[in-house]
Amino acid sequence: MSSGKVVLGVLAGAAAGAILGILFAPEKGTETRKLITQKGEEYADGLKEKFNGLMDDLSKKMDGMHAKVNKMADDAQSSVEEMKTSSN
């Protein structure tokens, strides 16, 4: 299982637990709705941060792979040029 799925599962479970806790708390409906909205916004912000972190990591990995592919292509081209030169 990927770490992204684990993080998402943990955050979803925490959000569900917080919402259930608020719903069963003995407060007015308006207060409960405010708390649900606040907690939802907090969890949404947390998810956005995690998602952005995962996307940054993915971007860095892709940049590294791109550099490796370019180096391999350059090495292959150099080898072909050497073979052309040595065969003449």
N, C-alpha and C. Protein backbone atom coordinates (compact mmCIF):
# COMPACT_ATOMS: atom_id res chain seq x y z
N MET A 1 0.85 -1.17 0.00
CA MET A 1 0.00 0.00 0.00
C MET A 1 0.90 1.23 0.00
N SER A 2 0.55 2.23 -0.79
CA SER A 2 1.40 3.41 -0.89
C SER A 2 1.22 4.30 0.34
N SER A 3 2.24 5.09 0.61
CA SER A 3 2.19 5.96 1.79
C SER A 3 1.10 7.02 1.62
N GLY A 4 0.83 7.42 0.39
CA GLY A 4 -0.23 8.41 0.15
C GLY A 4 -1.58 7.89 0.56
N LYS A 5 -1.84 6.61 0.26
CA LYS A 5 -3.12 6.02 0.63
C LYS A 5 -3.24 5.88 2.14
N VAL A 6 -2.14 5.54 2.79
CA VAL A 6 -2.15 5.40 4.24
C VAL A 6 -2.43 6.74 4.89
N VAL A 7 -1.76 7.78 4.43
CA VAL A 7 -1.96 9.12 5.00
C VAL A 7 -3.40 9.56 4.79
N LEU A 8 -3.91 9.33 3.58
CA LEU A 8 -5.28 9.72 3.28
C LEU A 8 -6.26 8.95 4.17
N GLY A 9 -6.03 7.66 4.36
CA GLY A 9 -6.89 6.86 5.22
C GLY A 9 -6.88 7.33 6.66
N VAL A 10 -5.70 7.64 7.17
CA VAL A 10 -5.58 8.12 8.55
C VAL A 10 -6.30 9.45 8.71
N LEU A 11 -6.09 10.36 7.76
CA LEU A 11 -6.76 11.66 7.85
C LEU A 11 -8.27 11.53 7.74
N ALA A 12 -8.74 10.66 6.86
CA ALA A 12 -10.18 10.46 6.71
C ALA A 12 -10.77 9.87 7.99
N GLY A 13 -10.07 8.93 8.60
CA GLY A 13 -10.54 8.35 9.87
C GLY A 13 -10.58 9.37 10.98
N ALA A 14 -9.56 10.20 11.05
CA ALA A 14 -9.53 11.24 12.07
C ALA A 14 -10.67 12.24 11.86
N ALA A 15 -10.92 12.59 10.60
CA ALA A 15 -12.00 13.53 10.29
C ALA A 15 -13.34 12.93 10.68
N ALA A 16 -13.56 11.66 10.35
CA ALA A 16 -14.82 11.00 10.69
C ALA A 16 -15.00 10.95 12.20
N GLY A 17 -13.95 10.63 12.93
CA GLY A 17 -14.02 10.58 14.39
C GLY A 17 -14.34 11.94 15.00
N ALA A 18 -13.71 12.96 14.48
CA ALA A 18 -13.96 14.31 15.00
C ALA A 18 -15.40 14.74 14.73
N ILE A 19 -15.88 14.45 13.54
CA ILE A 19 -17.25 14.84 13.19
C ILE A 19 -18.25 14.09 14.07
N LEU A 20 -18.03 12.80 14.26
CA LEU A 20 -18.94 12.03 15.12
C LEU A 20 -18.90 12.55 16.56
N GLY A 21 -17.73 12.89 17.03
CA GLY A 21 -17.60 13.44 18.38
C GLY A 21 -18.36 14.74 18.53
N ILE A 22 -18.28 15.57 17.52
CA ILE A 22 -18.98 16.86 17.56
C ILE A 22 -20.49 16.65 17.48
N LEU A 23 -20.91 15.71 16.62
CA LEU A 23 -22.34 15.48 16.47
C LEU A 23 -23.00 14.96 17.75
N PHE A 24 -22.27 14.18 18.54
CA PHE A 24 -22.82 13.64 19.76
C PHE A 24 -22.57 14.52 20.98
N ALA A 25 -21.91 15.65 20.80
CA ALA A 25 -21.66 16.57 21.90
C ALA A 25 -22.95 17.31 22.25
N PRO A 26 -23.18 17.60 23.52
CA PRO A 26 -24.42 18.27 23.93
C PRO A 26 -24.33 19.79 23.75
N GLU A 27 -24.35 20.24 22.51
CA GLU A 27 -24.30 21.68 22.23
C GLU A 27 -25.45 22.04 21.30
N LYS A 28 -25.67 23.33 21.14
CA LYS A 28 -26.69 23.81 20.22
C LYS A 28 -26.34 23.42 18.79
N GLY A 29 -27.34 23.35 17.95
CA GLY A 29 -27.13 23.01 16.54
C GLY A 29 -26.24 24.00 15.83
N THR A 30 -26.41 25.29 16.13
CA THR A 30 -25.59 26.31 15.46
C THR A 30 -24.13 26.16 15.86
N GLU A 31 -23.89 25.88 17.13
CA GLU A 31 -22.52 25.69 17.60
C GLU A 31 -21.92 24.44 16.97
N THR A 32 -22.71 23.40 16.89
CA THR A 32 -22.23 22.14 16.30
C THR A 32 -21.87 22.35 14.83
N ARG A 33 -22.71 23.07 14.11
CA ARG A 33 -22.43 23.34 12.69
C ARG A 33 -21.15 24.17 12.53
N LYS A 34 -20.95 25.13 13.40
CA LYS A 34 -19.72 25.94 13.35
C LYS A 34 -18.49 25.06 13.58
N LEU A 35 -18.60 24.20 14.59
CA LEU A 35 -17.47 23.31 14.89
C LEU A 35 -17.18 22.36 13.73
N ILE A 36 -18.25 21.82 13.13
CA ILE A 36 -18.06 20.93 11.99
C ILE A 36 -17.39 21.67 10.85
N THR A 37 -17.83 22.89 10.59
CA THR A 37 -17.23 23.69 9.52
C THR A 37 -15.76 23.97 9.81
N GLN A 38 -15.45 24.36 11.04
CA GLN A 38 -14.07 24.65 11.42
C GLN A 38 -13.18 23.42 11.28
N LYS A 39 -13.66 22.29 11.80
CA LYS A 39 -12.87 21.05 11.72
C LYS A 39 -12.71 20.62 10.26
N GLY A 40 -13.75 20.76 9.49
CA GLY A 40 -13.67 20.40 8.07
C GLY A 40 -12.63 21.24 7.34
N GLU A 41 -12.61 22.53 7.64
CA GLU A 41 -11.62 23.42 7.02
C GLU A 41 -10.21 23.05 7.46
N GLU A 42 -10.05 22.71 8.74
CA GLU A 42 -8.73 22.31 9.24
C GLU A 42 -8.24 21.04 8.53
N TYR A 43 -9.12 20.06 8.42
CA TYR A 43 -8.73 18.82 7.76
C TYR A 43 -8.49 19.03 6.27
N ALA A 44 -9.29 19.89 5.64
CA ALA A 44 -9.08 20.18 4.23
C ALA A 44 -7.72 20.84 4.02
N ASP A 45 -7.37 21.76 4.91
CA ASP A 45 -6.05 22.40 4.81
C ASP A 45 -4.93 21.38 5.00
N GLY A 46 -5.12 20.48 5.96
CA GLY A 46 -4.12 19.43 6.18
C GLY A 46 -3.96 18.54 4.96
N LEU A 47 -5.09 18.16 4.36
CA LEU A 47 -5.03 17.33 3.16
C LEU A 47 -4.34 18.06 2.01
N LYS A 48 -4.63 19.35 1.88
CA LYS A 48 -3.98 20.14 0.82
C LYS A 48 -2.47 20.16 1.03
N GLU A 49 -2.04 20.34 2.27
CA GLU A 49 -0.60 20.37 2.56
C GLU A 49 0.04 19.02 2.24
N LYS A 50 -0.61 17.94 2.64
CA LYS A 50 -0.07 16.61 2.34
C LYS A 50 -0.02 16.36 0.84
N PHE A 51 -1.08 16.74 0.15
CA PHE A 51 -1.14 16.56 -1.30
C PHE A 51 -0.03 17.36 -1.98
N ASN A 52 0.14 18.61 -1.55
CA ASN A 52 1.19 19.44 -2.14
C ASN A 52 2.57 18.85 -1.86
N GLY A 53 2.76 18.31 -0.67
CA GLY A 53 4.04 17.66 -0.34
C GLY A 53 4.29 16.45 -1.23
N LEU A 54 3.26 15.64 -1.43
CA LEU A 54 3.39 14.47 -2.30
C LEU A 54 3.68 14.89 -3.74
N MET A 55 3.01 15.94 -4.19
CA MET A 55 3.24 16.42 -5.55
C MET A 55 4.65 16.98 -5.71
N ASP A 56 5.16 17.66 -4.68
CA ASP A 56 6.53 18.17 -4.74
C ASP A 56 7.53 17.01 -4.81
N ASP A 57 7.30 15.98 -4.00
CA ASP A 57 8.18 14.80 -4.04
C ASP A 57 8.14 14.14 -5.41
N LEU A 58 6.95 14.00 -5.95
CA LEU A 58 6.79 13.39 -7.27
C LEU A 58 7.50 14.23 -8.33
N SER A 59 7.36 15.53 -8.23
CA SER A 59 8.00 16.43 -9.19
C SER A 59 9.52 16.29 -9.13
N LYS A 60 10.06 16.21 -7.92
CA LYS A 60 11.51 16.05 -7.76
C LYS A 60 11.98 14.72 -8.36
N LYS A 61 11.21 13.66 -8.11
CA LYS A 61 11.57 12.36 -8.67
C LYS A 61 11.51 12.38 -10.19
N MET A 62 10.50 13.04 -10.74
CA MET A 62 10.37 13.13 -12.19
C MET A 62 11.53 13.93 -12.79
N ASP A 63 11.92 15.00 -12.11
CA ASP A 63 13.06 15.79 -12.59
C ASP A 63 14.33 14.94 -12.59
N GLY A 64 14.51 14.14 -11.54
CA GLY A 64 15.68 13.26 -11.47
C GLY A 64 15.66 12.23 -12.59
N MET A 65 14.50 11.65 -12.86
CA MET A 65 14.39 10.67 -13.94
C MET A 65 14.65 11.33 -15.29
N HIS A 66 14.14 12.54 -15.45
CA HIS A 66 14.35 13.27 -16.70
C HIS A 66 15.83 13.51 -16.94
N ALA A 67 16.55 13.88 -15.89
CA ALA A 67 17.99 14.10 -16.00
C ALA A 67 18.71 12.81 -16.36
N LYS A 68 18.30 11.68 -15.74
CA LYS A 68 18.93 10.40 -16.05
C LYS A 68 18.68 9.99 -17.50
N VAL A 69 17.46 10.18 -17.96
CA VAL A 69 17.13 9.83 -19.34
C VAL A 69 17.95 10.69 -20.31
N ASN A 70 18.06 11.97 -20.03
CA ASN A 70 18.86 12.85 -20.89
C ASN A 70 20.32 12.42 -20.92
N LYS A 71 20.85 12.03 -19.75
CA LYS A 71 22.24 11.59 -19.70
C LYS A 71 22.42 10.30 -20.49
N MET A 72 21.47 9.38 -20.36
CA MET A 72 21.56 8.13 -21.12
C MET A 72 21.50 8.40 -22.62
N ALA A 73 20.64 9.33 -23.02
CA ALA A 73 20.53 9.66 -24.45
C ALA A 73 21.82 10.30 -24.94
N ASP A 74 22.40 11.18 -24.14
CA ASP A 74 23.67 11.80 -24.53
C ASP A 74 24.79 10.76 -24.62
N ASP A 75 24.82 9.83 -23.65
CA ASP A 75 25.83 8.78 -23.67
C ASP A 75 25.67 7.89 -24.91
N ALA A 76 24.42 7.56 -25.24
CA ALA A 76 24.16 6.72 -26.41
C ALA A 76 24.59 7.44 -27.69
N GLN A 77 24.28 8.72 -27.75
CA GLN A 77 24.65 9.50 -28.94
C GLN A 77 26.18 9.57 -29.06
N SER A 78 26.86 9.75 -27.93
CA SER A 78 28.33 9.79 -27.95
C SER A 78 28.90 8.46 -28.42
N SER A 79 28.30 7.37 -27.95
CA SER A 79 28.76 6.04 -28.36
C SER A 79 28.58 5.85 -29.86
N VAL A 80 27.46 6.27 -30.38
CA VAL A 80 27.20 6.14 -31.82
C VAL A 80 28.20 6.97 -32.60
N GLU A 81 28.48 8.18 -32.14
CA GLU A 81 29.45 9.03 -32.82
C GLU A 81 30.84 8.41 -32.79
N GLU A 82 31.21 7.81 -31.63
CA GLU A 82 32.51 7.14 -31.54
C GLU A 82 32.59 5.97 -32.51
N MET A 83 31.51 5.20 -32.61
CA MET A 83 31.50 4.06 -33.53
C MET A 83 31.62 4.52 -34.96
N LYS A 84 30.96 5.61 -35.32
CA LYS A 84 31.05 6.14 -36.67
C LYS A 84 32.47 6.58 -36.97
N THR A 85 33.08 7.26 -35.99
CA THR A 85 34.45 7.76 -36.18
C THR A 85 35.44 6.60 -36.28
N SER A 86 35.28 5.60 -35.44
CA SER A 86 36.24 4.50 -35.45
C SER A 86 36.08 3.58 -36.67
N SER A 87 34.90 3.54 -37.25
CA SER A 87 34.70 2.68 -38.42
C SER A 87 35.20 3.35 -39.70
N ASN A 88 35.42 4.62 -39.66
CA ASN A 88 35.91 5.32 -40.87
C ASN A 88 37.39 5.35 -40.95
